C-alpha atoms as a PDB file:
ATOM      1  CA  MET A   1    -113.675 112.776  38.212  1.00  0.00           C
ATOM      2  CA  ARG A   2    -116.641 114.262  36.357  1.00  0.00           C
ATOM      3  CA  ILE A   3    -115.470 112.666  33.114  1.00  0.00           C
ATOM      4  CA  LEU A   4    -115.180 109.252  34.778  1.00  0.00           C
ATOM      5  CA  THR A   5    -118.669 109.598  36.248  1.00  0.00           C
ATOM      6  CA  LEU A   6    -120.086 110.660  32.895  1.00  0.00           C
ATOM      7  CA  PHE A   7    -118.322 107.778  31.161  1.00  0.00           C
ATOM      8  CA  SER A   8    -119.683 105.185  33.616  1.00  0.00           C
ATOM      9  CA  PHE A   9    -123.167 106.700  33.248  1.00  0.00           C
ATOM     10  CA  LEU A  10    -122.973 106.397  29.464  1.00  0.00           C
ATOM     11  CA  LEU A  11    -121.859 102.784  29.754  1.00  0.00           C
ATOM     12  CA  GLN A  12    -124.868 101.982  31.924  1.00  0.00           C
ATOM     13  CA  VAL A  13    -127.270 103.756  29.578  1.00  0.00           C
ATOM     14  CA  CYS A  14    -125.845 102.153  26.435  1.00  0.00           C
ATOM     15  CA  ASN A  15    -125.659  98.671  27.944  1.00  0.00           C
ATOM     16  CA  PRO A  16    -127.805  98.378  31.084  1.00  0.00           C
ATOM     17  CA  ALA A  17    -127.271  95.409  33.392  1.00  0.00           C
ATOM     18  CA  GLY A  18    -129.080  92.282  32.260  1.00  0.00           C
ATOM     19  CA  THR A  19    -129.078  93.073  28.552  1.00  0.00           C
ATOM     20  CA  GLU A  20    -127.157  90.942  26.136  1.00  0.00           C
ATOM     21  CA  ARG A  21    -124.670  92.129  23.590  1.00  0.00           C
ATOM     22  CA  PRO A  22    -125.786  91.949  19.959  1.00  0.00           C
ATOM     23  CA  ASN A  23    -125.388  88.661  18.202  1.00  0.00           C
ATOM     24  CA  LYS A  24    -122.353  88.383  15.922  1.00  0.00           C
ATOM     25  CA  LYS A  25    -124.608  87.251  13.076  1.00  0.00           C
ATOM     26  CA  LEU A  26    -126.607  90.472  13.329  1.00  0.00           C
ATOM     27  CA  SER A  27    -123.500  92.649  13.467  1.00  0.00           C
ATOM     28  CA  SER A  28    -122.137  91.048  10.287  1.00  0.00           C
ATOM     29  CA  TYR A  29    -125.050  92.553   8.341  1.00  0.00           C
ATOM     30  CA  ARG A  30    -124.004  96.072   9.287  1.00  0.00           C
ATOM     31  CA  ARG A  31    -122.346  97.967   6.510  1.00  0.00           C
ATOM     32  CA  GLU A  32    -118.923  99.319   7.369  1.00  0.00           C
ATOM     33  CA  ILE A  33    -118.622 103.006   6.593  1.00  0.00           C
ATOM     34  CA  LYS A  34    -115.046 104.131   6.127  1.00  0.00           C
ATOM     35  CA  THR A  35    -114.779 107.883   6.347  1.00  0.00           C
ATOM     36  CA  ALA A  36    -112.103 109.926   4.590  1.00  0.00           C
ATOM     37  CA  ASP A  37    -110.148 110.501   7.811  1.00  0.00           C
ATOM     38  CA  TYR A  38    -110.239 106.767   8.593  1.00  0.00           C
ATOM     39  CA  ARG A  39    -108.892 105.908   5.116  1.00  0.00           C
ATOM     40  CA  LEU A  40    -106.203 108.588   5.411  1.00  0.00           C
ATOM     41  CA  SER A  41    -105.109 107.310   8.836  1.00  0.00           C
ATOM     42  CA  THR A  42    -104.861 103.703   7.696  1.00  0.00           C
ATOM     43  CA  ASP A  43    -103.023 104.649   4.491  1.00  0.00           C
ATOM     44  CA  LEU A  44    -100.504 106.763   6.401  1.00  0.00           C
ATOM     45  CA  LEU A  45     -99.844 104.153   9.074  1.00  0.00           C
ATOM     46  CA  ASN A  46     -99.546 101.227   6.630  1.00  0.00           C
ATOM     47  CA  GLY A  47     -96.194 102.529   5.364  1.00  0.00           C
ATOM     48  CA  TYR A  48     -94.943 103.751   8.751  1.00  0.00           C
ATOM     49  CA  PRO A  49     -91.671 102.143   9.907  1.00  0.00           C
ATOM     50  CA  THR A  50     -91.959  99.772  12.856  1.00  0.00           C
ATOM     51  CA  GLY A  51     -89.574  99.477  15.745  1.00  0.00           C
ATOM     52  CA  TYR A  52     -88.928 100.670  19.254  1.00  0.00           C
ATOM     53  CA  ASN A  53     -86.970 103.881  18.660  1.00  0.00           C
ATOM     54  CA  ILE A  54     -88.053 105.295  15.334  1.00  0.00           C
ATOM     55  CA  LEU A  55     -87.163 108.935  14.777  1.00  0.00           C
ATOM     56  CA  PRO A  56     -89.642 110.807  12.576  1.00  0.00           C
ATOM     57  CA  VAL A  57     -86.878 111.730  10.088  1.00  0.00           C
ATOM     58  CA  VAL A  58     -85.611 110.081   6.901  1.00  0.00           C
ATOM     59  CA  ASP A  59     -81.916 110.585   7.773  1.00  0.00           C
ATOM     60  CA  ALA A  60     -80.946 109.454  11.284  1.00  0.00           C
ATOM     61  CA  MET A  61     -78.515 112.389  11.554  1.00  0.00           C
ATOM     62  CA  ASP A  62     -81.307 114.995  11.160  1.00  0.00           C
ATOM     63  CA  ILE A  63     -82.520 116.964  14.150  1.00  0.00           C
ATOM     64  CA  VAL A  64     -86.081 116.688  15.445  1.00  0.00           C
ATOM     65  CA  ASN A  65     -87.381 119.970  16.853  1.00  0.00           C
ATOM     66  CA  VAL A  66     -90.046 119.321  19.479  1.00  0.00           C
ATOM     67  CA  SER A  67     -92.285 122.118  20.716  1.00  0.00           C
ATOM     68  CA  ILE A  68     -93.706 121.632  24.218  1.00  0.00           C
ATOM     69  CA  GLN A  69     -96.484 123.751  25.683  1.00  0.00           C
ATOM     70  CA  LEU A  70     -98.214 123.533  29.030  1.00  0.00           C
ATOM     71  CA  ALA A  71    -101.808 124.709  29.262  1.00  0.00           C
ATOM     72  CA  LEU A  72    -102.656 125.291  32.921  1.00  0.00           C
ATOM     73  CA  TYR A  73    -106.419 125.208  33.438  1.00  0.00           C
ATOM     74  CA  HIS A  74    -106.598 125.690  37.199  1.00  0.00           C
ATOM     75  CA  ILE A  75    -104.892 124.917  40.495  1.00  0.00           C
ATOM     76  CA  VAL A  76    -106.816 122.158  42.251  1.00  0.00           C
ATOM     77  CA  ASP A  77    -104.948 122.045  45.555  1.00  0.00           C
ATOM     78  CA  MET A  78    -101.841 123.510  47.178  1.00  0.00           C
ATOM     79  CA  ASN A  79    -100.370 121.970  50.315  1.00  0.00           C
ATOM     80  CA  GLU A  80     -97.602 124.155  51.733  1.00  0.00           C
ATOM     81  CA  ARG A  81     -96.718 121.724  54.493  1.00  0.00           C
ATOM     82  CA  ASP A  82     -96.076 118.818  52.088  1.00  0.00           C
ATOM     83  CA  GLN A  83     -94.913 121.201  49.347  1.00  0.00           C
ATOM     84  CA  THR A  84     -97.256 119.690  46.764  1.00  0.00           C
ATOM     85  CA  LEU A  85     -99.268 121.368  44.062  1.00  0.00           C
ATOM     86  CA  THR A  86    -102.138 119.630  42.281  1.00  0.00           C
ATOM     87  CA  THR A  87    -103.162 121.142  38.964  1.00  0.00           C
ATOM     88  CA  SER A  88    -105.433 120.496  36.039  1.00  0.00           C
ATOM     89  CA  CYS A  89    -103.303 120.977  32.928  1.00  0.00           C
ATOM     90  CA  GLU A  90    -102.545 119.671  29.468  1.00  0.00           C
ATOM     91  CA  ILE A  91     -99.138 119.063  27.877  1.00  0.00           C
ATOM     92  CA  ILE A  92     -99.113 119.788  24.134  1.00  0.00           C
ATOM     93  CA  THR A  93     -96.251 118.460  22.012  1.00  0.00           C
ATOM     94  CA  ARG A  94     -95.656 119.151  18.312  1.00  0.00           C
ATOM     95  CA  TRP A  95     -93.052 117.961  15.826  1.00  0.00           C
ATOM     96  CA  HIS A  96     -92.703 117.361  12.102  1.00  0.00           C
ATOM     97  CA  ASP A  97     -92.961 113.711  11.082  1.00  0.00           C
ATOM     98  CA  ALA A  98     -91.389 113.028   7.681  1.00  0.00           C
ATOM     99  CA  PHE A  99     -93.250 109.718   7.314  1.00  0.00           C
ATOM    100  CA  LEU A 100     -96.736 111.213   7.704  1.00  0.00           C
ATOM    101  CA  MET A 101     -96.970 113.086   4.408  1.00  0.00           C
ATOM    102  CA  TRP A 102     -99.488 112.721   1.607  1.00  0.00           C
ATOM    103  CA  ASP A 103    -100.753 114.409  -1.516  1.00  0.00           C
ATOM    104  CA  PRO A 104    -104.257 115.774  -0.737  1.00  0.00           C
ATOM    105  CA  GLU A 105    -105.303 115.706  -4.404  1.00  0.00           C
ATOM    106  CA  GLY A 106    -104.142 112.139  -4.914  1.00  0.00           C
ATOM    107  CA  MET A 107    -105.968 110.711  -1.903  1.00  0.00           C
ATOM    108  CA  PHE A 108    -109.616 111.013  -2.953  1.00  0.00           C
END
Protein backbone atom coordinates (compact mmCIF):
# COMPACT_ATOMS: atom_id res chain seq x y z
CA MET A 1 0.00 0.00 0.00
CA ARG A 2 2.86 2.37 0.80
CA ILE A 3 4.40 1.73 -2.61
CA LEU A 4 1.11 2.50 -4.36
CA THR A 5 0.73 5.72 -2.38
CA LEU A 6 4.30 6.74 -3.16
CA PHE A 7 3.80 5.93 -6.84
CA SER A 8 0.61 8.02 -7.08
CA PHE A 9 2.37 10.88 -5.26
CA LEU A 10 5.25 10.77 -7.75
CA LEU A 11 2.81 10.81 -10.66
CA GLN A 12 1.14 13.93 -9.27
CA VAL A 13 4.46 15.67 -8.67
CA CYS A 14 5.87 14.79 -12.10
CA ASN A 15 2.68 15.68 -13.96
CA PRO A 16 0.35 17.82 -11.83
CA ALA A 17 -3.26 18.22 -12.92
CA GLY A 18 -3.75 20.90 -15.56
CA THR A 19 -0.30 20.64 -17.11
CA GLU A 20 0.14 19.45 -20.64
CA ARG A 21 2.42 16.72 -21.81
CA PRO A 22 5.47 17.82 -23.79
CA ASN A 23 5.01 18.44 -27.46
CA LYS A 24 6.16 15.63 -29.75
CA LYS A 25 8.25 18.11 -31.73
CA LEU A 26 10.19 19.04 -28.59
CA SER A 27 10.73 15.42 -27.59
CA SER A 28 12.18 14.60 -31.02
CA TYR A 29 15.12 16.91 -30.27
CA ARG A 30 16.11 14.84 -27.25
CA ARG A 31 19.12 12.68 -27.81
CA GLU A 32 18.56 9.01 -27.10
CA ILE A 33 21.18 7.60 -24.77
CA LYS A 34 21.54 3.85 -25.05
CA THR A 35 23.39 2.45 -22.08
CA ALA A 36 25.47 -0.73 -22.18
CA ASP A 37 22.82 -2.75 -20.34
CA TYR A 38 20.13 -1.53 -22.75
CA ARG A 39 22.24 -2.56 -25.77
CA LEU A 40 23.00 -5.94 -24.18
CA SER A 41 19.31 -6.58 -23.45
CA THR A 42 18.20 -5.72 -26.97
CA ASP A 43 21.00 -7.77 -28.56
CA LEU A 44 20.16 -10.81 -26.42
CA LEU A 45 16.43 -10.63 -27.05
CA ASN A 46 16.74 -10.03 -30.82
CA GLY A 47 17.89 -13.63 -31.37
CA TYR A 48 15.59 -15.18 -28.76
CA PRO A 49 13.17 -17.80 -30.13
CA THR A 50 9.51 -16.80 -30.18
CA GLY A 51 6.57 -18.97 -29.32
CA TYR A 52 4.26 -19.94 -26.51
CA ASN A 53 6.17 -22.79 -24.85
CA ILE A 54 9.85 -22.19 -25.42
CA LEU A 55 12.16 -24.15 -23.14
CA PRO A 56 15.43 -22.37 -22.37
CA VAL A 57 17.47 -25.29 -23.78
CA VAL A 58 18.92 -26.00 -27.22
CA ASP A 59 17.83 -29.67 -27.23
CA ALA A 60 14.17 -30.24 -26.30
CA MET A 61 15.14 -33.45 -24.47
CA ASP A 62 17.41 -31.58 -21.99
CA ILE A 63 16.29 -31.02 -18.43
CA VAL A 64 15.72 -27.54 -17.01
CA ASN A 65 16.63 -27.30 -13.33
CA VAL A 66 14.61 -24.55 -11.65
CA SER A 67 15.56 -23.27 -8.21
CA ILE A 68 12.70 -21.76 -6.20
CA GLN A 69 13.18 -19.75 -3.02
CA LEU A 70 10.65 -18.03 -0.81
CA ALA A 71 11.76 -14.96 1.12
CA LEU A 72 9.26 -14.32 3.91
CA TYR A 73 9.47 -10.71 5.07
CA HIS A 74 6.71 -10.68 7.68
CA ILE A 75 3.29 -12.06 8.58
CA VAL A 76 0.68 -9.38 7.94
CA ASP A 77 -2.40 -11.11 9.31
CA MET A 78 -3.47 -14.51 10.63
CA ASN A 79 -7.13 -15.44 10.90
CA GLU A 80 -7.57 -18.74 12.74
CA ARG A 81 -11.32 -18.83 12.25
CA ASP A 82 -11.09 -18.56 8.43
CA GLN A 83 -7.75 -20.40 8.40
CA THR A 84 -6.07 -17.72 6.30
CA LEU A 85 -2.58 -16.32 6.52
CA THR A 86 -1.58 -13.06 4.84
CA THR A 87 2.14 -12.56 4.34
CA SER A 88 4.56 -10.21 2.69
CA CYS A 89 6.98 -12.39 0.73
CA GLU A 90 8.93 -12.73 -2.49
CA ILE A 91 9.27 -15.79 -4.72
CA ILE A 92 12.71 -16.05 -6.35
CA THR A 93 13.19 -18.37 -9.32
CA ARG A 94 16.47 -19.16 -11.08
CA TRP A 95 17.37 -21.29 -14.09
CA HIS A 96 20.00 -21.45 -16.81
CA ASP A 97 18.85 -20.09 -20.17
CA ALA A 98 20.96 -21.39 -23.07
CA PHE A 99 19.76 -18.61 -25.39
CA LEU A 100 20.89 -15.75 -23.14
CA MET A 101 24.65 -16.10 -23.55
CA TRP A 102 27.18 -13.60 -24.85
CA ASP A 103 30.88 -12.92 -25.05
CA PRO A 104 31.63 -9.99 -22.68
CA GLU A 105 34.76 -8.99 -24.61
CA GLY A 106 32.99 -9.01 -27.95
CA MET A 107 30.08 -6.83 -26.86
CA PHE A 108 31.76 -3.45 -26.34
